[in-house]
Amino acid sequence: MEKYTDDQIREIILLEYYKRSKGKSKNPEMHIYNFPQLKEINNKVIFQSIKYLIDENLVRGGIDEDGNHSFPWITRLTPEGIKLVEEK
C-alpha cells in the first residue's frame, strides 16, 4: 500500500475533478472514496481532505449528515481550485 501525504490526497481529488470538468476523466461517475489511488486510504483521512478543500474554497460541495454518518460530496472546482491544478 502506497502512503500519501494530505497534500497528495488533496491533489488526487482536485486533479480528478479537473479532468471531469474537461471531459477527460476515466472515472466520471466514481465516488471519491473509490478513486483507484485512494482505494487503500482510510475514509476518515479522505473525508478530512475533502473538508479541507471545501473550507479553503477550492471546490464546491458539502457534507451531508445521516444519523452518525457523514457523506462528503463535490460538484466542481472553484476558480481558485482550477488555478491551483493548472499551476502544477
PDB file of N, CA and C in Angstrom:
ATOM      1  N   MET A   1       0.847  -1.185   0.000  1.00  0.00           N
ATOM      2  CA  MET A   1       0.000   0.000   0.000  1.00  0.00           C
ATOM      3  C   MET A   1       0.884   1.237   0.000  1.00  0.00           C
ATOM      4  N   GLU A   2       0.614   2.137  -0.924  1.00  0.00           N
ATOM      5  CA  GLU A   2       1.377   3.370  -1.016  1.00  0.00           C
ATOM      6  C   GLU A   2       0.885   4.374   0.015  1.00  0.00           C
ATOM      7  N   LYS A   3       1.810   5.092   0.606  1.00  0.00           N
ATOM      8  CA  LYS A   3       1.471   6.121   1.588  1.00  0.00           C
ATOM      9  C   LYS A   3       1.379   7.466   0.873  1.00  0.00           C
ATOM     10  N   TYR A   4       0.348   8.213   1.185  1.00  0.00           N
ATOM     11  CA  TYR A   4       0.171   9.543   0.618  1.00  0.00           C
ATOM     12  C   TYR A   4       0.105  10.565   1.735  1.00  0.00           C
ATOM     13  N   THR A   5       0.647  11.745   1.474  1.00  0.00           N
ATOM     14  CA  THR A   5       0.505  12.848   2.415  1.00  0.00           C
ATOM     15  C   THR A   5      -0.869  13.473   2.196  1.00  0.00           C
ATOM     16  N   ASP A   6      -1.291  14.306   3.137  1.00  0.00           N
ATOM     17  CA  ASP A   6      -2.570  15.007   2.978  1.00  0.00           C
ATOM     18  C   ASP A   6      -2.570  15.837   1.696  1.00  0.00           C
ATOM     19  N   ASP A   7      -1.460  16.500   1.402  1.00  0.00           N
ATOM     20  CA  ASP A   7      -1.383  17.314   0.185  1.00  0.00           C
ATOM     21  C   ASP A   7      -1.518  16.451  -1.069  1.00  0.00           C
ATOM     22  N   GLN A   8      -0.937  15.267  -1.062  1.00  0.00           N
ATOM     23  CA  GLN A   8      -1.049  14.381  -2.220  1.00  0.00           C
ATOM     24  C   GLN A   8      -2.481  13.885  -2.405  1.00  0.00           C
ATOM     25  N   ILE A   9      -3.153  13.586  -1.314  1.00  0.00           N
ATOM     26  CA  ILE A   9      -4.552  13.145  -1.386  1.00  0.00           C
ATOM     27  C   ILE A   9      -5.410  14.265  -1.956  1.00  0.00           C
ATOM     28  N   ARG A  10      -5.198  15.468  -1.477  1.00  0.00           N
ATOM     29  CA  ARG A  10      -5.957  16.622  -1.986  1.00  0.00           C
ATOM     30  C   ARG A  10      -5.683  16.838  -3.464  1.00  0.00           C
ATOM     31  N   GLU A  11      -4.433  16.673  -3.866  1.00  0.00           N
ATOM     32  CA  GLU A  11      -4.066  16.851  -5.268  1.00  0.00           C
ATOM     33  C   GLU A  11      -4.747  15.806  -6.148  1.00  0.00           C
ATOM     34  N   ILE A  12      -4.819  14.563  -5.682  1.00  0.00           N
ATOM     35  CA  ILE A  12      -5.500  13.496  -6.428  1.00  0.00           C
ATOM     36  C   ILE A  12      -6.969  13.866  -6.639  1.00  0.00           C
ATOM     37  N   ILE A  13      -7.611  14.356  -5.591  1.00  0.00           N
ATOM     38  CA  ILE A  13      -9.026  14.726  -5.675  1.00  0.00           C
ATOM     39  C   ILE A  13      -9.212  15.899  -6.628  1.00  0.00           C
ATOM     40  N   LEU A  14      -8.399  16.944  -6.469  1.00  0.00           N
ATOM     41  CA  LEU A  14      -8.508  18.109  -7.342  1.00  0.00           C
ATOM     42  C   LEU A  14      -8.266  17.734  -8.801  1.00  0.00           C
ATOM     43  N   LEU A  15      -7.248  16.925  -9.053  1.00  0.00           N
ATOM     44  CA  LEU A  15      -6.931  16.542 -10.429  1.00  0.00           C
ATOM     45  C   LEU A  15      -8.067  15.753 -11.068  1.00  0.00           C
ATOM     46  N   GLU A  16      -8.683  14.846 -10.312  1.00  0.00           N
ATOM     47  CA  GLU A  16      -9.802  14.077 -10.860  1.00  0.00           C
ATOM     48  C   GLU A  16     -10.972  14.991 -11.211  1.00  0.00           C
ATOM     49  N   TYR A  17     -11.288  15.931 -10.346  1.00  0.00           N
ATOM     50  CA  TYR A  17     -12.405  16.824 -10.648  1.00  0.00           C
ATOM     51  C   TYR A  17     -12.063  17.795 -11.772  1.00  0.00           C
ATOM     52  N   TYR A  18     -10.808  18.123 -11.910  1.00  0.00           N
ATOM     53  CA  TYR A  18     -10.371  18.941 -13.044  1.00  0.00           C
ATOM     54  C   TYR A  18     -10.573  18.154 -14.338  1.00  0.00           C
ATOM     55  N   LYS A  19     -10.147  16.893 -14.349  1.00  0.00           N
ATOM     56  CA  LYS A  19     -10.344  16.039 -15.529  1.00  0.00           C
ATOM     57  C   LYS A  19     -11.824  15.906 -15.853  1.00  0.00           C
ATOM     58  N   ARG A  20     -12.646  15.767 -14.832  1.00  0.00           N
ATOM     59  CA  ARG A  20     -14.094  15.661 -15.057  1.00  0.00           C
ATOM     60  C   ARG A  20     -14.629  16.924 -15.716  1.00  0.00           C
ATOM     61  N   SER A  21     -14.137  18.068 -15.287  1.00  0.00           N
ATOM     62  CA  SER A  21     -14.619  19.335 -15.854  1.00  0.00           C
ATOM     63  C   SER A  21     -14.230  19.477 -17.314  1.00  0.00           C
ATOM     64  N   LYS A  22     -13.159  18.808 -17.716  1.00  0.00           N
ATOM     65  CA  LYS A  22     -12.685  18.863 -19.102  1.00  0.00           C
ATOM     66  C   LYS A  22     -13.178  17.684 -19.931  1.00  0.00           C
ATOM     67  N   GLY A  23     -13.980  16.800 -19.318  1.00  0.00           N
ATOM     68  CA  GLY A  23     -14.496  15.633 -20.026  1.00  0.00           C
ATOM     69  C   GLY A  23     -13.428  14.589 -20.312  1.00  0.00           C
ATOM     70  N   LYS A  24     -12.361  14.560 -19.520  1.00  0.00           N
ATOM     71  CA  LYS A  24     -11.252  13.648 -19.772  1.00  0.00           C
ATOM     72  C   LYS A  24     -11.064  12.599 -18.683  1.00  0.00           C
ATOM     73  N   SER A  25     -12.007  12.496 -17.773  1.00  0.00           N
ATOM     74  CA  SER A  25     -11.898  11.527 -16.689  1.00  0.00           C
ATOM     75  C   SER A  25     -12.218  10.124 -17.181  1.00  0.00           C
ATOM     76  N   LYS A  26     -11.439   9.164 -16.686  1.00  0.00           N
ATOM     77  CA  LYS A  26     -11.728   7.762 -16.983  1.00  0.00           C
ATOM     78  C   LYS A  26     -12.737   7.205 -15.985  1.00  0.00           C
ATOM     79  N   ASN A  27     -13.016   7.966 -14.932  1.00  0.00           N
ATOM     80  CA  ASN A  27     -13.929   7.532 -13.865  1.00  0.00           C
ATOM     81  C   ASN A  27     -14.939   8.637 -13.538  1.00  0.00           C
ATOM     82  N   PRO A  28     -15.699   9.110 -14.506  1.00  0.00           N
ATOM     83  CA  PRO A  28     -16.521  10.298 -14.279  1.00  0.00           C
ATOM     84  C   PRO A  28     -17.645  10.149 -13.257  1.00  0.00           C
ATOM     85  N   GLU A  29     -18.068   8.938 -12.973  1.00  0.00           N
ATOM     86  CA  GLU A  29     -19.170   8.735 -12.025  1.00  0.00           C
ATOM     87  C   GLU A  29     -18.701   8.134 -10.703  1.00  0.00           C
ATOM     88  N   MET A  30     -17.425   7.867 -10.582  1.00  0.00           N
ATOM     89  CA  MET A  30     -16.901   7.176  -9.410  1.00  0.00           C
ATOM     90  C   MET A  30     -16.895   8.083  -8.187  1.00  0.00           C
ATOM     91  N   HIS A  31     -17.325   7.532  -7.060  1.00  0.00           N
ATOM     92  CA  HIS A  31     -17.314   8.286  -5.804  1.00  0.00           C
ATOM     93  C   HIS A  31     -15.878   8.454  -5.320  1.00  0.00           C
ATOM     94  N   ILE A  32     -15.629   9.541  -4.632  1.00  0.00           N
ATOM     95  CA  ILE A  32     -14.290   9.890  -4.167  1.00  0.00           C
ATOM     96  C   ILE A  32     -13.619   8.742  -3.428  1.00  0.00           C
ATOM     97  N   TYR A  33     -14.344   8.077  -2.553  1.00  0.00           N
ATOM     98  CA  TYR A  33     -13.744   7.006  -1.761  1.00  0.00           C
ATOM     99  C   TYR A  33     -13.281   5.828  -2.621  1.00  0.00           C
ATOM    100  N   ASN A  34     -13.758   5.755  -3.851  1.00  0.00           N
ATOM    101  CA  ASN A  34     -13.399   4.644  -4.725  1.00  0.00           C
ATOM    102  C   ASN A  34     -12.373   5.007  -5.793  1.00  0.00           C
ATOM    103  N   PHE A  35     -11.835   6.224  -5.742  1.00  0.00           N
ATOM    104  CA  PHE A  35     -10.791   6.583  -6.706  1.00  0.00           C
ATOM    105  C   PHE A  35      -9.682   5.541  -6.598  1.00  0.00           C
ATOM    106  N   PRO A  36      -9.192   5.022  -7.710  1.00  0.00           N
ATOM    107  CA  PRO A  36      -8.177   3.956  -7.655  1.00  0.00           C
ATOM    108  C   PRO A  36      -6.983   4.276  -6.747  1.00  0.00           C
ATOM    109  N   GLN A  37      -6.458   5.498  -6.805  1.00  0.00           N
ATOM    110  CA  GLN A  37      -5.293   5.845  -5.991  1.00  0.00           C
ATOM    111  C   GLN A  37      -5.624   5.914  -4.505  1.00  0.00           C
ATOM    112  N   LEU A  38      -6.896   6.139  -4.173  1.00  0.00           N
ATOM    113  CA  LEU A  38      -7.285   6.329  -2.776  1.00  0.00           C
ATOM    114  C   LEU A  38      -7.972   5.104  -2.179  1.00  0.00           C
ATOM    115  N   LYS A  39      -8.108   4.060  -2.950  1.00  0.00           N
ATOM    116  CA  LYS A  39      -8.861   2.876  -2.526  1.00  0.00           C
ATOM    117  C   LYS A  39      -8.364   2.306  -1.199  1.00  0.00           C
ATOM    118  N   GLU A  40      -7.068   2.372  -0.948  1.00  0.00           N
ATOM    119  CA  GLU A  40      -6.477   1.802   0.257  1.00  0.00           C
ATOM    120  C   GLU A  40      -6.387   2.798   1.419  1.00  0.00           C
ATOM    121  N   ILE A  41      -6.758   4.049   1.180  1.00  0.00           N
ATOM    122  CA  ILE A  41      -6.646   5.087   2.204  1.00  0.00           C
ATOM    123  C   ILE A  41      -7.867   5.032   3.126  1.00  0.00           C
ATOM    124  N   ASN A  42      -7.643   5.264   4.396  1.00  0.00           N
ATOM    125  CA  ASN A  42      -8.718   5.303   5.378  1.00  0.00           C
ATOM    126  C   ASN A  42      -9.722   6.390   4.994  1.00  0.00           C
ATOM    127  N   ASN A  43     -11.008   6.062   5.021  1.00  0.00           N
ATOM    128  CA  ASN A  43     -12.048   7.021   4.640  1.00  0.00           C
ATOM    129  C   ASN A  43     -12.037   8.281   5.494  1.00  0.00           C
ATOM    130  N   LYS A  44     -11.626   8.179   6.745  1.00  0.00           N
ATOM    131  CA  LYS A  44     -11.564   9.367   7.610  1.00  0.00           C
ATOM    132  C   LYS A  44     -10.529  10.359   7.096  1.00  0.00           C
ATOM    133  N   VAL A  45      -9.428   9.852   6.571  1.00  0.00           N
ATOM    134  CA  VAL A  45      -8.377  10.711   6.015  1.00  0.00           C
ATOM    135  C   VAL A  45      -8.893  11.398   4.755  1.00  0.00           C
ATOM    136  N   ILE A  46      -9.572  10.650   3.895  1.00  0.00           N
ATOM    137  CA  ILE A  46     -10.153  11.229   2.683  1.00  0.00           C
ATOM    138  C   ILE A  46     -11.191  12.275   3.054  1.00  0.00           C
ATOM    139  N   PHE A  47     -12.037  11.968   4.024  1.00  0.00           N
ATOM    140  CA  PHE A  47     -13.068  12.896   4.482  1.00  0.00           C
ATOM    141  C   PHE A  47     -12.434  14.222   4.914  1.00  0.00           C
ATOM    142  N   GLN A  48     -11.367  14.149   5.699  1.00  0.00           N
ATOM    143  CA  GLN A  48     -10.706  15.364   6.170  1.00  0.00           C
ATOM    144  C   GLN A  48     -10.107  16.166   5.015  1.00  0.00           C
ATOM    145  N   SER A  49      -9.609  15.483   4.004  1.00  0.00           N
ATOM    146  CA  SER A  49      -9.070  16.173   2.831  1.00  0.00           C
ATOM    147  C   SER A  49     -10.172  16.884   2.059  1.00  0.00           C
ATOM    148  N   ILE A  50     -11.311  16.237   1.918  1.00  0.00           N
ATOM    149  CA  ILE A  50     -12.441  16.863   1.228  1.00  0.00           C
ATOM    150  C   ILE A  50     -12.930  18.073   2.017  1.00  0.00           C
ATOM    151  N   LYS A  51     -13.032  17.925   3.325  1.00  0.00           N
ATOM    152  CA  LYS A  51     -13.460  19.036   4.181  1.00  0.00           C
ATOM    153  C   LYS A  51     -12.500  20.209   4.029  1.00  0.00           C
ATOM    154  N   TYR A  52     -11.211  19.934   3.989  1.00  0.00           N
ATOM    155  CA  TYR A  52     -10.206  20.982   3.802  1.00  0.00           C
ATOM    156  C   TYR A  52     -10.429  21.702   2.463  1.00  0.00           C
ATOM    157  N   LEU A  53     -10.624  20.937   1.389  1.00  0.00           N
ATOM    158  CA  LEU A  53     -10.824  21.534   0.072  1.00  0.00           C
ATOM    159  C   LEU A  53     -12.060  22.430   0.037  1.00  0.00           C
ATOM    160  N   ILE A  54     -13.111  22.001   0.714  1.00  0.00           N
ATOM    161  CA  ILE A  54     -14.332  22.815   0.792  1.00  0.00           C
ATOM    162  C   ILE A  54     -14.067  24.067   1.612  1.00  0.00           C
ATOM    163  N   ASP A  55     -13.454  23.904   2.776  1.00  0.00           N
ATOM    164  CA  ASP A  55     -13.184  25.040   3.668  1.00  0.00           C
ATOM    165  C   ASP A  55     -12.253  26.067   3.031  1.00  0.00           C
ATOM    166  N   GLU A  56     -11.320  25.605   2.215  1.00  0.00           N
ATOM    167  CA  GLU A  56     -10.363  26.509   1.559  1.00  0.00           C
ATOM    168  C   GLU A  56     -10.903  27.090   0.252  1.00  0.00           C
ATOM    169  N   ASN A  57     -12.169  26.787  -0.042  1.00  0.00           N
ATOM    170  CA  ASN A  57     -12.839  27.302  -1.237  1.00  0.00           C
ATOM    171  C   ASN A  57     -12.141  26.867  -2.534  1.00  0.00           C
ATOM    172  N   LEU A  58     -11.635  25.645  -2.540  1.00  0.00           N
ATOM    173  CA  LEU A  58     -11.021  25.100  -3.745  1.00  0.00           C
ATOM    174  C   LEU A  58     -12.010  24.257  -4.542  1.00  0.00           C
ATOM    175  N   VAL A  59     -13.068  23.802  -3.874  1.00  0.00           N
ATOM    176  CA  VAL A  59     -14.136  23.053  -4.532  1.00  0.00           C
ATOM    177  C   VAL A  59     -15.481  23.517  -3.997  1.00  0.00           C
ATOM    178  N   ARG A  60     -16.516  23.278  -4.780  1.00  0.00           N
ATOM    179  CA  ARG A  60     -17.884  23.474  -4.331  1.00  0.00           C
ATOM    180  C   ARG A  60     -18.414  22.107  -3.938  1.00  0.00           C
ATOM    181  N   GLY A  61     -19.017  22.047  -2.785  1.00  0.00           N
ATOM    182  CA  GLY A  61     -19.553  20.786  -2.316  1.00  0.00           C
ATOM    183  C   GLY A  61     -20.081  20.950  -0.914  1.00  0.00           C
ATOM    184  N   GLY A  62     -20.215  19.849  -0.225  1.00  0.00           N
ATOM    185  CA  GLY A  62     -20.728  19.910   1.128  1.00  0.00           C
ATOM    186  C   GLY A  62     -20.615  18.560   1.802  1.00  0.00           C
ATOM    187  N   ILE A  63     -21.159  18.524   2.999  1.00  0.00           N
ATOM    188  CA  ILE A  63     -21.148  17.291   3.782  1.00  0.00           C
ATOM    189  C   ILE A  63     -22.552  17.059   4.300  1.00  0.00           C
ATOM    190  N   ASP A  64     -23.149  15.966   3.875  1.00  0.00           N
ATOM    191  CA  ASP A  64     -24.489  15.598   4.325  1.00  0.00           C
ATOM    192  C   ASP A  64     -24.373  14.720   5.560  1.00  0.00           C
ATOM    193  N   GLU A  65     -25.283  14.922   6.485  1.00  0.00           N
ATOM    194  CA  GLU A  65     -25.325  14.127   7.712  1.00  0.00           C
ATOM    195  C   GLU A  65     -26.541  13.206   7.662  1.00  0.00           C
ATOM    196  N   ASP A  66     -26.324  11.954   7.994  1.00  0.00           N
ATOM    197  CA  ASP A  66     -27.406  10.987   8.080  1.00  0.00           C
ATOM    198  C   ASP A  66     -27.162  10.151   9.329  1.00  0.00           C
ATOM    199  N   GLY A  67     -27.758  10.566  10.417  1.00  0.00           N
ATOM    200  CA  GLY A  67     -27.515   9.889  11.686  1.00  0.00           C
ATOM    201  C   GLY A  67     -26.075  10.069  12.106  1.00  0.00           C
ATOM    202  N   ASN A  68     -25.386   8.961  12.309  1.00  0.00           N
ATOM    203  CA  ASN A  68     -23.977   9.017  12.715  1.00  0.00           C
ATOM    204  C   ASN A  68     -23.022   9.022  11.528  1.00  0.00           C
ATOM    205  N   HIS A  69     -23.546   9.081  10.319  1.00  0.00           N
ATOM    206  CA  HIS A  69     -22.710   9.016   9.127  1.00  0.00           C
ATOM    207  C   HIS A  69     -22.673  10.363   8.421  1.00  0.00           C
ATOM    208  N   SER A  70     -21.506  10.720   7.912  1.00  0.00           N
ATOM    209  CA  SER A  70     -21.327  11.934   7.129  1.00  0.00           C
ATOM    210  C   SER A  70     -20.877  11.546   5.729  1.00  0.00           C
ATOM    211  N   PHE A  71     -21.446  12.200   4.742  1.00  0.00           N
ATOM    212  CA  PHE A  71     -21.151  11.894   3.358  1.00  0.00           C
ATOM    213  C   PHE A  71     -20.702  13.159   2.637  1.00  0.00           C
ATOM    214  N   PRO A  72     -19.417  13.257   2.289  1.00  0.00           N
ATOM    215  CA  PRO A  72     -18.954  14.443   1.562  1.00  0.00           C
ATOM    216  C   PRO A  72     -19.287  14.327   0.076  1.00  0.00           C
ATOM    217  N   TRP A  73     -19.465  15.464  -0.548  1.00  0.00           N
ATOM    218  CA  TRP A  73     -19.708  15.479  -1.985  1.00  0.00           C
ATOM    219  C   TRP A  73     -19.084  16.737  -2.572  1.00  0.00           C
ATOM    220  N   ILE A  74     -18.691  16.634  -3.819  1.00  0.00           N
ATOM    221  CA  ILE A  74     -18.092  17.751  -4.554  1.00  0.00           C
ATOM    222  C   ILE A  74     -18.830  17.871  -5.872  1.00  0.00           C
ATOM    223  N   THR A  75     -19.180  19.101  -6.245  1.00  0.00           N
ATOM    224  CA  THR A  75     -19.833  19.299  -7.540  1.00  0.00           C
ATOM    225  C   THR A  75     -18.853  19.800  -8.593  1.00  0.00           C
ATOM    226  N   ARG A  76     -17.919  20.652  -8.160  1.00  0.00           N
ATOM    227  CA  ARG A  76     -16.974  21.203  -9.137  1.00  0.00           C
ATOM    228  C   ARG A  76     -15.844  21.923  -8.427  1.00  0.00           C
ATOM    229  N   LEU A  77     -14.804  22.258  -9.190  1.00  0.00           N
ATOM    230  CA  LEU A  77     -13.712  23.071  -8.679  1.00  0.00           C
ATOM    231  C   LEU A  77     -14.102  24.543  -8.766  1.00  0.00           C
ATOM    232  N   THR A  78     -13.607  25.332  -7.856  1.00  0.00           N
ATOM    233  CA  THR A  78     -13.780  26.776  -7.921  1.00  0.00           C
ATOM    234  C   THR A  78     -12.675  27.337  -8.820  1.00  0.00           C
ATOM    235  N   PRO A  79     -12.761  28.606  -9.202  1.00  0.00           N
ATOM    236  CA  PRO A  79     -11.658  29.203  -9.974  1.00  0.00           C
ATOM    237  C   PRO A  79     -10.308  29.068  -9.251  1.00  0.00           C
ATOM    238  N   GLU A  80     -10.318  29.154  -7.929  1.00  0.00           N
ATOM    239  CA  GLU A  80      -9.075  29.001  -7.162  1.00  0.00           C
ATOM    240  C   GLU A  80      -8.543  27.576  -7.282  1.00  0.00           C
ATOM    241  N   GLY A  81      -9.438  26.597  -7.234  1.00  0.00           N
ATOM    242  CA  GLY A  81      -9.046  25.203  -7.381  1.00  0.00           C
ATOM    243  C   GLY A  81      -8.491  24.912  -8.769  1.00  0.00           C
ATOM    244  N   ILE A  82      -9.131  25.475  -9.795  1.00  0.00           N
ATOM    245  CA  ILE A  82      -8.668  25.294 -11.169  1.00  0.00           C
ATOM    246  C   ILE A  82      -7.276  25.897 -11.331  1.00  0.00           C
ATOM    247  N   LYS A  83      -7.095  27.089 -10.796  1.00  0.00           N
ATOM    248  CA  LYS A  83      -5.797  27.767 -10.883  1.00  0.00           C
ATOM    249  C   LYS A  83      -4.707  26.931 -10.217  1.00  0.00           C
ATOM    250  N   LEU A  84      -5.010  26.374  -9.045  1.00  0.00           N
ATOM    251  CA  LEU A  84      -4.042  25.556  -8.324  1.00  0.00           C
ATOM    252  C   LEU A  84      -3.632  24.338  -9.138  1.00  0.00           C
ATOM    253  N   VAL A  85      -4.592  23.664  -9.770  1.00  0.00           N
ATOM    254  CA  VAL A  85      -4.287  22.486 -10.589  1.00  0.00           C
ATOM    255  C   VAL A  85      -3.471  22.885 -11.815  1.00  0.00           C
ATOM    256  N   GLU A  86      -3.850  23.957 -12.464  1.00  0.00           N
ATOM    257  CA  GLU A  86      -3.160  24.368 -13.690  1.00  0.00           C
ATOM    258  C   GLU A  86      -1.745  24.869 -13.426  1.00  0.00           C
ATOM    259  N   GLU A  87      -1.471  25.347 -12.220  1.00  0.00           N
ATOM    260  CA  GLU A  87      -0.128  25.803 -11.879  1.00  0.00           C
ATOM    261  C   GLU A  87       0.823  24.639 -11.639  1.00  0.00           C
ATOM    262  N   LYS A  88       0.290  23.462 -11.342  1.00  0.00           N
ATOM    263  CA  LYS A  88       1.156  22.293 -11.068  1.00  0.00           C
ATOM    264  C   LYS A  88       1.480  21.584 -12.290  1.00  0.00           C
TER     265      LYS A  88
END
